C-alpha atoms as a PDB file:
ATOM      1  CA  MET A   1       0.012  -0.160  -0.076  1.00  0.00           C
ATOM      2  CA  SER A   2       1.974   3.070  -1.231  1.00  0.00           C
ATOM      3  CA  ASP A   3       5.567   4.163   0.199  1.00  0.00           C
ATOM      4  CA  TRP A   4       4.274   4.958   3.601  1.00  0.00           C
ATOM      5  CA  ASN A   5       5.005   2.714   6.046  1.00  0.00           C
ATOM      6  CA  PHE A   6       1.736   3.573   8.969  1.00  0.00           C
ATOM      7  CA  LYS A   7       2.689   1.151  11.112  1.00  0.00           C
ATOM      8  CA  GLU A   8       6.098   2.502  11.590  1.00  0.00           C
ATOM      9  CA  ILE A   9       4.488   6.478  11.716  1.00  0.00           C
ATOM     10  CA  GLU A  10       2.381   5.360  14.394  1.00  0.00           C
ATOM     11  CA  THR A  11       5.187   4.348  16.683  1.00  0.00           C
ATOM     12  CA  THR A  12       7.521   7.113  15.715  1.00  0.00           C
ATOM     13  CA  ILE A  13       4.649   9.372  16.759  1.00  0.00           C
ATOM     14  CA  GLN A  14       4.032   7.745  20.010  1.00  0.00           C
ATOM     15  CA  GLN A  15       7.616   7.946  20.893  1.00  0.00           C
ATOM     16  CA  GLU A  16       7.589  11.582  20.339  1.00  0.00           C
ATOM     17  CA  ALA A  17       4.732  12.191  22.009  1.00  0.00           C
ATOM     18  CA  ALA A  18       5.931  10.572  25.239  1.00  0.00           C
ATOM     19  CA  LEU A  19       9.127  13.225  25.110  1.00  0.00           C
ATOM     20  CA  LEU A  20       7.214  16.227  25.141  1.00  0.00           C
ATOM     21  CA  ALA A  21       7.610  18.400  28.131  1.00  0.00           C
ATOM     22  CA  ASP A  22       6.984  21.815  27.343  1.00  0.00           C
ATOM     23  CA  ALA A  23       4.531  24.246  25.311  1.00  0.00           C
ATOM     24  CA  LYS A  24       7.207  24.901  22.327  1.00  0.00           C
ATOM     25  CA  GLY A  25       7.863  21.299  21.662  1.00  0.00           C
ATOM     26  CA  LEU A  26       4.229  20.666  21.706  1.00  0.00           C
ATOM     27  CA  GLU A  27       3.737  23.009  18.951  1.00  0.00           C
ATOM     28  CA  ASP A  28       6.500  22.043  16.965  1.00  0.00           C
ATOM     29  CA  PHE A  29       5.115  18.422  17.231  1.00  0.00           C
ATOM     30  CA  ARG A  30       1.738  19.172  15.861  1.00  0.00           C
ATOM     31  CA  ILE A  31       3.119  21.476  12.856  1.00  0.00           C
ATOM     32  CA  LYS A  32       4.997  18.207  12.136  1.00  0.00           C
ATOM     33  CA  TYR A  33       2.149  16.024  11.572  1.00  0.00           C
ATOM     34  CA  LEU A  34      -0.259  18.387  11.035  1.00  0.00           C
ATOM     35  CA  GLY A  35       0.600  21.880   9.549  1.00  0.00           C
ATOM     36  CA  ARG A  36       0.113  22.662   6.587  1.00  0.00           C
ATOM     37  CA  LYS A  37       3.082  21.330   5.133  1.00  0.00           C
ATOM     38  CA  GLY A  38       3.188  18.575   7.519  1.00  0.00           C
ATOM     39  CA  LEU A  39       3.536  14.618   7.331  1.00  0.00           C
ATOM     40  CA  LEU A  40      -0.459  14.505   7.096  1.00  0.00           C
ATOM     41  CA  ALA A  41      -0.611  16.964   4.736  1.00  0.00           C
ATOM     42  CA  GLN A  42       2.021  14.959   2.279  1.00  0.00           C
ATOM     43  CA  ILE A  43      -0.112  11.675   2.832  1.00  0.00           C
ATOM     44  CA  TYR A  44      -3.437  13.585   1.281  1.00  0.00           C
ATOM     45  CA  ALA A  45      -1.499  15.199  -1.672  1.00  0.00           C
ATOM     46  CA  GLY A  46       0.165  11.804  -2.691  1.00  0.00           C
ATOM     47  CA  MET A  47      -3.361  10.076  -2.810  1.00  0.00           C
ATOM     48  CA  GLY A  48      -3.620  11.149  -6.262  1.00  0.00           C
ATOM     49  CA  GLN A  49      -1.214   8.839  -7.499  1.00  0.00           C
ATOM     50  CA  ALA A  50      -1.744   6.039  -5.725  1.00  0.00           C
ATOM     51  CA  SER A  51      -4.085   3.282  -7.193  1.00  0.00           C
ATOM     52  CA  PRO A  52      -8.176   3.689  -6.996  1.00  0.00           C
ATOM     53  CA  GLU A  53      -7.822   0.272  -4.465  1.00  0.00           C
ATOM     54  CA  GLU A  54      -5.195   1.809  -2.624  1.00  0.00           C
ATOM     55  CA  ARG A  55      -6.559   5.328  -2.042  1.00  0.00           C
ATOM     56  CA  PRO A  56      -9.215   4.041   0.425  1.00  0.00           C
ATOM     57  CA  LEU A  57      -6.900   2.254   2.593  1.00  0.00           C
ATOM     58  CA  ILE A  58      -4.487   5.272   2.630  1.00  0.00           C
ATOM     59  CA  GLY A  59      -7.092   7.658   3.542  1.00  0.00           C
ATOM     60  CA  LYS A  60      -8.030   5.267   6.690  1.00  0.00           C
ATOM     61  CA  SER A  61      -4.965   4.833   8.067  1.00  0.00           C
ATOM     62  CA  ALA A  62      -4.155   8.825   7.281  1.00  0.00           C
ATOM     63  CA  ASN A  63      -7.286   9.673   9.029  1.00  0.00           C
ATOM     64  CA  ALA A  64      -6.304   7.438  11.706  1.00  0.00           C
ATOM     65  CA  LEU A  65      -2.924   9.126  12.430  1.00  0.00           C
ATOM     66  CA  LYS A  66      -4.835  12.633  12.244  1.00  0.00           C
ATOM     67  CA  VAL A  67      -7.194  11.404  15.137  1.00  0.00           C
ATOM     68  CA  LEU A  68      -4.028  10.174  16.912  1.00  0.00           C
ATOM     69  CA  VAL A  69      -2.219  13.239  16.572  1.00  0.00           C
ATOM     70  CA  GLU A  70      -4.926  15.428  17.798  1.00  0.00           C
ATOM     71  CA  GLY A  71      -5.906  13.386  20.765  1.00  0.00           C
ATOM     72  CA  ILE A  72      -1.948  13.521  21.571  1.00  0.00           C
ATOM     73  CA  VAL A  73      -1.818  17.352  21.012  1.00  0.00           C
ATOM     74  CA  ALA A  74      -5.165  17.756  23.144  1.00  0.00           C
ATOM     75  CA  GLN A  75      -3.932  15.414  26.014  1.00  0.00           C
ATOM     76  CA  LYS A  76      -0.428  17.564  26.280  1.00  0.00           C
ATOM     77  CA  LYS A  77      -1.762  20.916  26.231  1.00  0.00           C
ATOM     78  CA  GLN A  78      -4.207  20.125  29.031  1.00  0.00           C
ATOM     79  CA  SER A  79      -1.305  18.533  30.975  1.00  0.00           C
ATOM     80  CA  LEU A  80       1.068  21.133  30.379  1.00  0.00           C
ATOM     81  CA  ASP A  81      -1.705  23.708  31.345  1.00  0.00           C
ATOM     82  CA  GLY A  82      -2.259  22.213  34.291  1.00  0.00           C
ATOM     83  CA  GLN A  83       1.429  21.905  35.584  1.00  0.00           C
ATOM     84  CA  SER A  84       1.890  25.962  34.652  1.00  0.00           C
ATOM     85  CA  ARG A  85      -1.138  26.613  36.931  1.00  0.00           C
ATOM     86  CA  GLN A  86       0.269  24.223  39.539  1.00  0.00           C
ATOM     87  CA  ALA A  87       3.542  26.077  39.846  1.00  0.00           C
ATOM     88  CA  LEU A  88       2.071  29.456  39.901  1.00  0.00           C
ATOM     89  CA  THR A  89      -0.073  28.486  43.164  1.00  0.00           C
ATOM     90  CA  LYS A  90       2.985  27.226  44.480  1.00  0.00           C
ATOM     91  CA  GLU A  91       5.075  30.327  43.626  1.00  0.00           C
ATOM     92  CA  LYS A  92       4.997  33.010  46.073  1.00  0.00           C
ATOM     93  CA  ILE A  93       5.885  36.641  45.378  1.00  0.00           C
ATOM     94  CA  ASP A  94       6.142  39.125  48.483  1.00  0.00           C
ATOM     95  CA  VAL A  95       5.024  42.550  47.048  1.00  0.00           C
ATOM     96  CA  THR A  96       6.634  44.371  50.121  1.00  0.00           C
ATOM     97  CA  LEU A  97       9.673  43.904  49.324  1.00  0.00           C
ATOM     98  CA  PRO A  98      11.965  46.473  48.227  1.00  0.00           C
ATOM     99  CA  GLY A  99      13.057  46.358  44.239  1.00  0.00           C
ATOM    100  CA  ILE A 100      16.477  46.222  42.972  1.00  0.00           C
ATOM    101  CA  HIS A 101      17.987  49.198  42.950  1.00  0.00           C
ATOM    102  CA  SER A 102      19.614  50.251  39.740  1.00  0.00           C
ATOM    103  CA  PRO A 103      21.546  53.556  39.794  1.00  0.00           C
ATOM    104  CA  LEU A 104      21.205  55.882  37.318  1.00  0.00           C
ATOM    105  CA  GLY A 105      23.749  58.436  35.869  1.00  0.00           C
ATOM    106  CA  HIS A 106      23.300  61.831  34.866  1.00  0.00           C
ATOM    107  CA  GLN A 107      25.337  64.444  32.819  1.00  0.00           C
ATOM    108  CA  HIS A 108      28.771  65.403  34.010  1.00  0.00           C
ATOM    109  CA  ILE A 109      28.823  69.142  35.647  1.00  0.00           C
ATOM    110  CA  LEU A 110      31.212  70.598  32.819  1.00  0.00           C
ATOM    111  CA  THR A 111      28.122  69.022  30.456  1.00  0.00           C
ATOM    112  CA  GLN A 112      25.534  70.408  32.672  1.00  0.00           C
ATOM    113  CA  MET A 113      27.573  73.818  32.258  1.00  0.00           C
ATOM    114  CA  ILE A 114      27.763  73.666  28.721  1.00  0.00           C
ATOM    115  CA  ASP A 115      24.095  73.241  28.333  1.00  0.00           C
ATOM    116  CA  GLU A 116      23.005  76.070  31.271  1.00  0.00           C
ATOM    117  CA  ILE A 117      25.290  79.032  29.405  1.00  0.00           C
ATOM    118  CA  CYS A 118      24.041  77.869  25.673  1.00  0.00           C
ATOM    119  CA  GLY A 119      20.395  77.781  26.917  1.00  0.00           C
ATOM    120  CA  ILE A 120      20.867  81.595  28.114  1.00  0.00           C
ATOM    121  CA  PHE A 121      22.486  82.806  24.833  1.00  0.00           C
ATOM    122  CA  GLU A 122      20.213  80.605  22.905  1.00  0.00           C
ATOM    123  CA  SER A 123      17.019  82.361  24.363  1.00  0.00           C
ATOM    124  CA  MET A 124      18.862  85.571  23.512  1.00  0.00           C
ATOM    125  CA  GLY A 125      18.526  84.127  19.446  1.00  0.00           C
ATOM    126  CA  PHE A 126      22.054  82.908  19.058  1.00  0.00           C
ATOM    127  CA  VAL A 127      22.795  79.690  17.333  1.00  0.00           C
ATOM    128  CA  VAL A 128      25.115  76.900  18.717  1.00  0.00           C
ATOM    129  CA  GLN A 129      27.620  75.496  16.481  1.00  0.00           C
ATOM    130  CA  GLU A 130      31.069  73.310  16.279  1.00  0.00           C
ATOM    131  CA  GLY A 131      34.007  73.600  14.918  1.00  0.00           C
ATOM    132  CA  PRO A 132      36.246  70.555  14.928  1.00  0.00           C
ATOM    133  CA  GLU A 133      39.095  69.861  17.559  1.00  0.00           C
ATOM    134  CA  ILE A 134      41.984  69.895  15.111  1.00  0.00           C
ATOM    135  CA  GLU A 135      42.801  73.163  13.591  1.00  0.00           C
ATOM    136  CA  THR A 136      44.638  74.708  10.596  1.00  0.00           C
ATOM    137  CA  GLU A 137      47.630  77.490  11.763  1.00  0.00           C
ATOM    138  CA  PHE A 138      45.483  79.727   9.307  1.00  0.00           C
ATOM    139  CA  ASN A 139      42.305  79.282  11.200  1.00  0.00           C
ATOM    140  CA  ASN A 140      43.633  79.331  14.953  1.00  0.00           C
ATOM    141  CA  PHE A 141      46.599  81.921  14.250  1.00  0.00           C
ATOM    142  CA  GLU A 142      46.473  83.797  11.003  1.00  0.00           C
ATOM    143  CA  ALA A 143      43.087  84.636  10.203  1.00  0.00           C
ATOM    144  CA  LEU A 144      42.653  85.596  13.903  1.00  0.00           C
ATOM    145  CA  ASN A 145      45.546  88.579  13.467  1.00  0.00           C
ATOM    146  CA  ILE A 146      48.124  86.503  15.727  1.00  0.00           C
ATOM    147  CA  PRO A 147      51.350  87.189  14.008  1.00  0.00           C
ATOM    148  CA  VAL A 148      54.006  84.330  13.070  1.00  0.00           C
ATOM    149  CA  ASP A 149      56.423  85.731  16.051  1.00  0.00           C
ATOM    150  CA  HIS A 150      53.232  85.564  18.672  1.00  0.00           C
ATOM    151  CA  PRO A 151      54.448  83.595  21.184  1.00  0.00           C
ATOM    152  CA  SER A 152      51.744  81.046  21.621  1.00  0.00           C
ATOM    153  CA  ARG A 153      52.651  80.092  18.038  1.00  0.00           C
ATOM    154  CA  ASP A 154      55.927  78.633  19.888  1.00  0.00           C
ATOM    155  CA  ALA A 155      55.798  74.541  20.142  1.00  0.00           C
ATOM    156  CA  PHE A 156      56.574  74.726  23.484  1.00  0.00           C
ATOM    157  CA  ASP A 157      52.882  76.630  23.742  1.00  0.00           C
ATOM    158  CA  THR A 158      50.863  74.616  21.296  1.00  0.00           C
ATOM    159  CA  PHE A 159      49.977  71.050  20.286  1.00  0.00           C
ATOM    160  CA  TYR A 160      51.093  70.566  16.828  1.00  0.00           C
ATOM    161  CA  VAL A 161      50.165  67.284  14.802  1.00  0.00           C
ATOM    162  CA  ASP A 162      52.420  65.491  12.073  1.00  0.00           C
ATOM    163  CA  THR A 163      50.203  65.203   9.430  1.00  0.00           C
ATOM    164  CA  LYS A 164      51.506  64.650   5.466  1.00  0.00           C
ATOM    165  CA  VAL A 165      49.203  67.274   4.658  1.00  0.00           C
ATOM    166  CA  VAL A 166      51.413  69.345   2.262  1.00  0.00           C
ATOM    167  CA  GLY A 167      51.117  73.478   2.780  1.00  0.00           C
ATOM    168  CA  GLN A 168      49.643  73.950   6.695  1.00  0.00           C
ATOM    169  CA  LYS A 169      50.691  72.362   9.670  1.00  0.00           C
ATOM    170  CA  ARG A 170      47.920  70.938  11.896  1.00  0.00           C
ATOM    171  CA  LEU A 171      47.502  71.559  15.492  1.00  0.00           C
ATOM    172  CA  LEU A 172      45.073  70.835  18.138  1.00  0.00           C
ATOM    173  CA  ARG A 173      43.216  73.991  18.712  1.00  0.00           C
ATOM    174  CA  SER A 174      44.172  76.136  21.394  1.00  0.00           C
ATOM    175  CA  HIS A 175      40.639  78.284  21.955  1.00  0.00           C
ATOM    176  CA  THR A 176      37.208  77.846  20.530  1.00  0.00           C
ATOM    177  CA  SER A 177      37.857  81.068  17.978  1.00  0.00           C
ATOM    178  CA  PRO A 178      38.972  78.845  14.586  1.00  0.00           C
ATOM    179  CA  ALA A 179      35.100  78.266  14.442  1.00  0.00           C
ATOM    180  CA  GLN A 180      34.201  81.718  14.292  1.00  0.00           C
ATOM    181  CA  ILE A 181      36.567  82.078  11.274  1.00  0.00           C
ATOM    182  CA  ARG A 182      35.208  78.789  10.036  1.00  0.00           C
ATOM    183  CA  MET A 183      31.408  80.382  10.383  1.00  0.00           C
ATOM    184  CA  MET A 184      32.130  83.355   8.754  1.00  0.00           C
ATOM    185  CA  GLN A 185      33.878  81.737   6.014  1.00  0.00           C
ATOM    186  CA  ASN A 186      30.460  79.858   5.117  1.00  0.00           C
ATOM    187  CA  HIS A 187      27.818  82.041   5.940  1.00  0.00           C
ATOM    188  CA  LYS A 188      27.110  85.756   5.091  1.00  0.00           C
ATOM    189  CA  PRO A 189      26.089  87.912   8.278  1.00  0.00           C
ATOM    190  CA  PRO A 190      23.739  88.299   9.891  1.00  0.00           C
ATOM    191  CA  PHE A 191      24.213  85.552  12.205  1.00  0.00           C
ATOM    192  CA  ALA A 192      24.883  84.905  15.873  1.00  0.00           C
ATOM    193  CA  VAL A 193      26.722  81.736  17.322  1.00  0.00           C
ATOM    194  CA  ILE A 194      27.523  80.359  20.318  1.00  0.00           C
ATOM    195  CA  ILE A 195      30.322  77.362  20.345  1.00  0.00           C
ATOM    196  CA  PRO A 196      31.386  75.297  22.967  1.00  0.00           C
ATOM    197  CA  GLY A 197      34.271  72.698  22.941  1.00  0.00           C
ATOM    198  CA  LYS A 198      37.342  71.408  24.053  1.00  0.00           C
ATOM    199  CA  VAL A 199      40.757  73.002  23.857  1.00  0.00           C
ATOM    200  CA  TYR A 200      44.393  72.004  24.271  1.00  0.00           C
ATOM    201  CA  ARG A 201      47.471  73.739  25.772  1.00  0.00           C
ATOM    202  CA  PRO A 202      50.787  72.414  26.904  1.00  0.00           C
ATOM    203  CA  ASP A 203      50.317  73.560  30.693  1.00  0.00           C
ATOM    204  CA  LYS A 204      51.655  72.006  33.449  1.00  0.00           C
ATOM    205  CA  VAL A 205      49.179  70.122  35.226  1.00  0.00           C
ATOM    206  CA  ASP A 206      48.121  71.760  38.640  1.00  0.00           C
ATOM    207  CA  ALA A 207      45.372  73.020  40.734  1.00  0.00           C
ATOM    208  CA  THR A 208      44.369  75.841  38.488  1.00  0.00           C
ATOM    209  CA  HIS A 209      45.819  74.571  35.008  1.00  0.00           C
ATOM    210  CA  SER A 210      44.897  71.449  32.690  1.00  0.00           C
ATOM    211  CA  SER A 211      46.116  70.741  29.152  1.00  0.00           C
ATOM    212  CA  MET A 212      42.701  70.336  27.922  1.00  0.00           C
ATOM    213  CA  PHE A 213      39.813  72.496  29.382  1.00  0.00           C
ATOM    214  CA  HIS A 214      36.515  73.735  27.788  1.00  0.00           C
ATOM    215  CA  GLN A 215      35.673  76.886  26.147  1.00  0.00           C
ATOM    216  CA  ILE A 216      32.495  78.835  24.927  1.00  0.00           C
ATOM    217  CA  GLU A 217      32.938  81.374  22.032  1.00  0.00           C
ATOM    218  CA  GLY A 218      30.043  83.857  21.039  1.00  0.00           C
ATOM    219  CA  LEU A 219      30.047  85.496  17.897  1.00  0.00           C
ATOM    220  CA  LEU A 220      27.691  88.172  16.452  1.00  0.00           C
ATOM    221  CA  VAL A 221      27.889  90.072  13.098  1.00  0.00           C
ATOM    222  CA  ASP A 222      25.665  92.410  11.497  1.00  0.00           C
ATOM    223  CA  LYS A 223      25.788  95.844  10.021  1.00  0.00           C
ATOM    224  CA  ASP A 224      26.385  98.490  12.664  1.00  0.00           C
ATOM    225  CA  VAL A 225      27.146  96.544  16.012  1.00  0.00           C
ATOM    226  CA  LYS A 226      28.507  98.403  18.548  1.00  0.00           C
ATOM    227  CA  PHE A 227      30.135  98.093  21.498  1.00  0.00           C
ATOM    228  CA  SER A 228      27.239  99.120  23.851  1.00  0.00           C
ATOM    229  CA  ASP A 229      25.474  95.793  22.042  1.00  0.00           C
ATOM    230  CA  LEU A 230      28.538  94.025  23.461  1.00  0.00           C
ATOM    231  CA  LYS A 231      28.207  95.346  26.934  1.00  0.00           C
ATOM    232  CA  GLY A 232      24.390  95.075  27.374  1.00  0.00           C
ATOM    233  CA  LEU A 233      24.586  91.099  25.735  1.00  0.00           C
ATOM    234  CA  VAL A 234      27.638  90.696  28.294  1.00  0.00           C
ATOM    235  CA  CYS A 235      25.463  92.199  31.359  1.00  0.00           C
ATOM    236  CA  VAL A 236      22.077  90.658  30.596  1.00  0.00           C
ATOM    237  CA  PHE A 237      24.138  87.182  30.722  1.00  0.00           C
ATOM    238  CA  CYS A 238      25.666  87.648  33.666  1.00  0.00           C
ATOM    239  CA  GLN A 239      22.364  88.855  35.614  1.00  0.00           C
ATOM    240  CA  LYS A 240      21.084  85.722  34.118  1.00  0.00           C
ATOM    241  CA  PHE A 241      24.059  83.165  35.059  1.00  0.00           C
ATOM    242  CA  PHE A 242      24.694  85.153  38.662  1.00  0.00           C
ATOM    243  CA  GLY A 243      21.510  86.472  39.418  1.00  0.00           C
ATOM    244  CA  GLU A 244      20.083  89.905  39.230  1.00  0.00           C
ATOM    245  CA  LYS A 245      22.163  91.462  41.805  1.00  0.00           C
ATOM    246  CA  VAL A 246      25.928  90.781  40.621  1.00  0.00           C
ATOM    247  CA  LYS A 247      28.454  93.222  40.370  1.00  0.00           C
ATOM    248  CA  MET A 248      30.247  93.559  37.304  1.00  0.00           C
ATOM    249  CA  ARG A 249      32.817  95.855  35.166  1.00  0.00           C
ATOM    250  CA  PHE A 250      34.710  96.208  31.647  1.00  0.00           C
ATOM    251  CA  ARG A 251      38.495  96.662  31.858  1.00  0.00           C
ATOM    252  CA  PRO A 252      40.300  98.012  28.828  1.00  0.00           C
ATOM    253  CA  HIS A 253      42.459  95.045  27.639  1.00  0.00           C
ATOM    254  CA  PHE A 254      44.135  93.491  24.472  1.00  0.00           C
ATOM    255  CA  PHE A 255      43.013  90.658  21.881  1.00  0.00           C
ATOM    256  CA  PRO A 256      44.672  90.324  18.520  1.00  0.00           C
ATOM    257  CA  PHE A 257      41.001  89.404  17.110  1.00  0.00           C
ATOM    258  CA  THR A 258      39.162  92.438  18.771  1.00  0.00           C
ATOM    259  CA  GLU A 259      39.488  95.842  18.751  1.00  0.00           C
ATOM    260  CA  PRO A 260      38.507  97.198  21.395  1.00  0.00           C
ATOM    261  CA  SER A 261      38.969  94.645  23.770  1.00  0.00           C
ATOM    262  CA  ALA A 262      37.685  94.105  26.968  1.00  0.00           C
ATOM    263  CA  GLU A 263      37.781  91.593  30.221  1.00  0.00           C
ATOM    264  CA  VAL A 264      35.107  91.340  32.150  1.00  0.00           C
ATOM    265  CA  ASP A 265      35.014  90.749  35.945  1.00  0.00           C
ATOM    266  CA  ILE A 266      32.598  90.118  38.692  1.00  0.00           C
ATOM    267  CA  TYR A 267      32.516  90.882  42.704  1.00  0.00           C
ATOM    268  CA  TRP A 268      32.711  87.640  44.101  1.00  0.00           C
ATOM    269  CA  LYS A 269      32.440  87.271  48.099  1.00  0.00           C
ATOM    270  CA  LYS A 270      35.927  89.541  49.041  1.00  0.00           C
ATOM    271  CA  GLY A 271      37.171  90.969  45.078  1.00  0.00           C
ATOM    272  CA  TRP A 272      36.851  91.220  41.826  1.00  0.00           C
ATOM    273  CA  LEU A 273      37.366  88.117  39.422  1.00  0.00           C
ATOM    274  CA  GLU A 274      38.109  87.914  35.710  1.00  0.00           C
ATOM    275  CA  ILE A 275      35.444  85.515  33.919  1.00  0.00           C
ATOM    276  CA  MET A 276      35.512  86.456  30.630  1.00  0.00           C
ATOM    277  CA  GLY A 277      36.894  88.559  27.702  1.00  0.00           C
ATOM    278  CA  CYS A 278      35.504  90.116  24.847  1.00  0.00           C
ATOM    279  CA  GLY A 279      35.705  92.716  21.886  1.00  0.00           C
ATOM    280  CA  MET A 280      34.589  94.129  18.577  1.00  0.00           C
ATOM    281  CA  VAL A 281      35.702  92.170  15.913  1.00  0.00           C
ATOM    282  CA  HIS A 282      39.056  93.024  14.452  1.00  0.00           C
ATOM    283  CA  PRO A 283      38.994  95.008  10.795  1.00  0.00           C
ATOM    284  CA  LYS A 284      41.822  92.332  10.015  1.00  0.00           C
ATOM    285  CA  VAL A 285      39.735  89.318  11.045  1.00  0.00           C
ATOM    286  CA  PHE A 286      37.052  90.549   8.711  1.00  0.00           C
ATOM    287  CA  ALA A 287      39.220  91.199   5.996  1.00  0.00           C
ATOM    288  CA  ALA A 288      40.999  87.477   6.047  1.00  0.00           C
ATOM    289  CA  VAL A 289      37.433  85.741   5.414  1.00  0.00           C
ATOM    290  CA  ASP A 290      36.953  88.120   2.567  1.00  0.00           C
ATOM    291  CA  TYR A 291      34.068  90.305   4.099  1.00  0.00           C
ATOM    292  CA  PRO A 292      33.964  93.370   2.249  1.00  0.00           C
ATOM    293  CA  LYS A 293      35.916  96.693   4.113  1.00  0.00           C
ATOM    294  CA  GLY A 294      33.987  98.675   6.666  1.00  0.00           C
ATOM    295  CA  LYS A 295      30.370  97.022   5.520  1.00  0.00           C
ATOM    296  CA  TYR A 296      29.978  94.672   8.525  1.00  0.00           C
ATOM    297  CA  THR A 297      30.832  94.778  12.263  1.00  0.00           C
ATOM    298  CA  GLY A 298      31.058  92.461  15.090  1.00  0.00           C
ATOM    299  CA  LEU A 299      31.046  91.441  18.686  1.00  0.00           C
ATOM    300  CA  ALA A 300      32.914  88.373  20.233  1.00  0.00           C
ATOM    301  CA  PHE A 301      33.393  87.021  23.486  1.00  0.00           C
ATOM    302  CA  GLY A 302      34.549  83.767  25.305  1.00  0.00           C
ATOM    303  CA  MET A 303      34.942  82.266  28.469  1.00  0.00           C
ATOM    304  CA  GLY A 304      36.428  79.093  30.227  1.00  0.00           C
ATOM    305  CA  ILE A 305      33.521  76.618  31.635  1.00  0.00           C
ATOM    306  CA  GLU A 306      35.911  74.820  34.262  1.00  0.00           C
ATOM    307  CA  ARG A 307      36.700  78.759  35.743  1.00  0.00           C
ATOM    308  CA  MET A 308      32.796  79.139  35.779  1.00  0.00           C
ATOM    309  CA  VAL A 309      31.977  76.125  37.322  1.00  0.00           C
ATOM    310  CA  MET A 310      34.898  76.539  39.934  1.00  0.00           C
ATOM    311  CA  LEU A 311      33.379  79.880  40.401  1.00  0.00           C
ATOM    312  CA  LYS A 312      30.184  79.232  40.881  1.00  0.00           C
ATOM    313  CA  TYR A 313      30.364  76.113  43.138  1.00  0.00           C
ATOM    314  CA  GLY A 314      33.974  77.051  45.357  1.00  0.00           C
ATOM    315  CA  ILE A 315      35.545  74.296  43.801  1.00  0.00           C
ATOM    316  CA  ASN A 316      39.605  74.499  44.096  1.00  0.00           C
ATOM    317  CA  ASP A 317      40.868  72.335  42.119  1.00  0.00           C
ATOM    318  CA  ILE A 318      40.114  71.486  38.745  1.00  0.00           C
ATOM    319  CA  ARG A 319      41.870  68.207  38.219  1.00  0.00           C
ATOM    320  CA  TYR A 320      38.454  66.994  40.215  1.00  0.00           C
ATOM    321  CA  PHE A 321      36.384  67.706  36.960  1.00  0.00           C
ATOM    322  CA  PHE A 322      38.602  64.788  35.480  1.00  0.00           C
ATOM    323  CA  GLU A 323      39.388  61.810  38.173  1.00  0.00           C
ATOM    324  CA  ASN A 324      36.213  60.691  37.774  1.00  0.00           C
ATOM    325  CA  ASP A 325      35.929  60.406  41.487  1.00  0.00           C
ATOM    326  CA  VAL A 326      31.969  59.514  42.272  1.00  0.00           C
ATOM    327  CA  ARG A 327      31.853  61.234  45.604  1.00  0.00           C
ATOM    328  CA  PHE A 328      32.900  64.313  43.605  1.00  0.00           C
ATOM    329  CA  LEU A 329      30.418  64.103  40.505  1.00  0.00           C
ATOM    330  CA  ARG A 330      27.421  63.019  42.512  1.00  0.00           C
ATOM    331  CA  GLN A 331      27.152  66.402  44.299  1.00  0.00           C
ATOM    332  CA  PHE A 332      25.868  68.114  41.100  1.00  0.00           C
END
């Protein structure tokens, strides 16, 4: 009777049924025999090739196998469901026990400070931009009116990078001001940007110095920007950051890339402390980015993030920021 050995198939079914121990195994067993591509489907599909005499016998045997498998599936399903219910009744959960604590991290205090300062300037219409940390000498020095003989361009004061790029030396930027140059090279005024980022200088690490630290640079360029606009902008920032009653002053200073230039001090606890440098963008900087002579004016300012955090929270050692001591970091 055809090629199917129904007695052997029945024996195999019984043996496999005895080994069924979970719901997944039972479902695989059901699909193997009763599925669309299962064994019984193959038997029924092949009946058309059998002789008229064999067809009734094949059909009867196939139906008997189907009844057998369906019975096994139903019985095993009932048995497994019963076992699951018994396991649930035996399982006890004490809902009064405390949960497992999973400590959550949070932003580093320097990141928090960057976000806070950027948020203040964003509320005044500035847009946050970033620049690369590896820069050209042109962007880091020449375009900012820093001459070749300036001490900051010496190898003792700058991290130069050994590259194979012909024509321009590469270096780790010593301030965020090169991003101002990139902004002016790629955008036409008016614009107002705030630029946070890491900067690098070969300083000896101590309580107030680090070879890597963070700065925030601001730049506003338009027609007829005045020094009074700069003073007003800085005053509003200091009032929002340090409080409405903050006492501040502007002192004349020199920066190669601004003219006139000033340093900003606030009166903090027992004396005056410098918090940022600022000034009007030097005409030579505009010339370096090919802006038409006399068409635009601009203001710029910059501050060190670590210094602002140390001042605001009374921290006396810059190294705390980078030692990853969670006892320090959890305070903020």
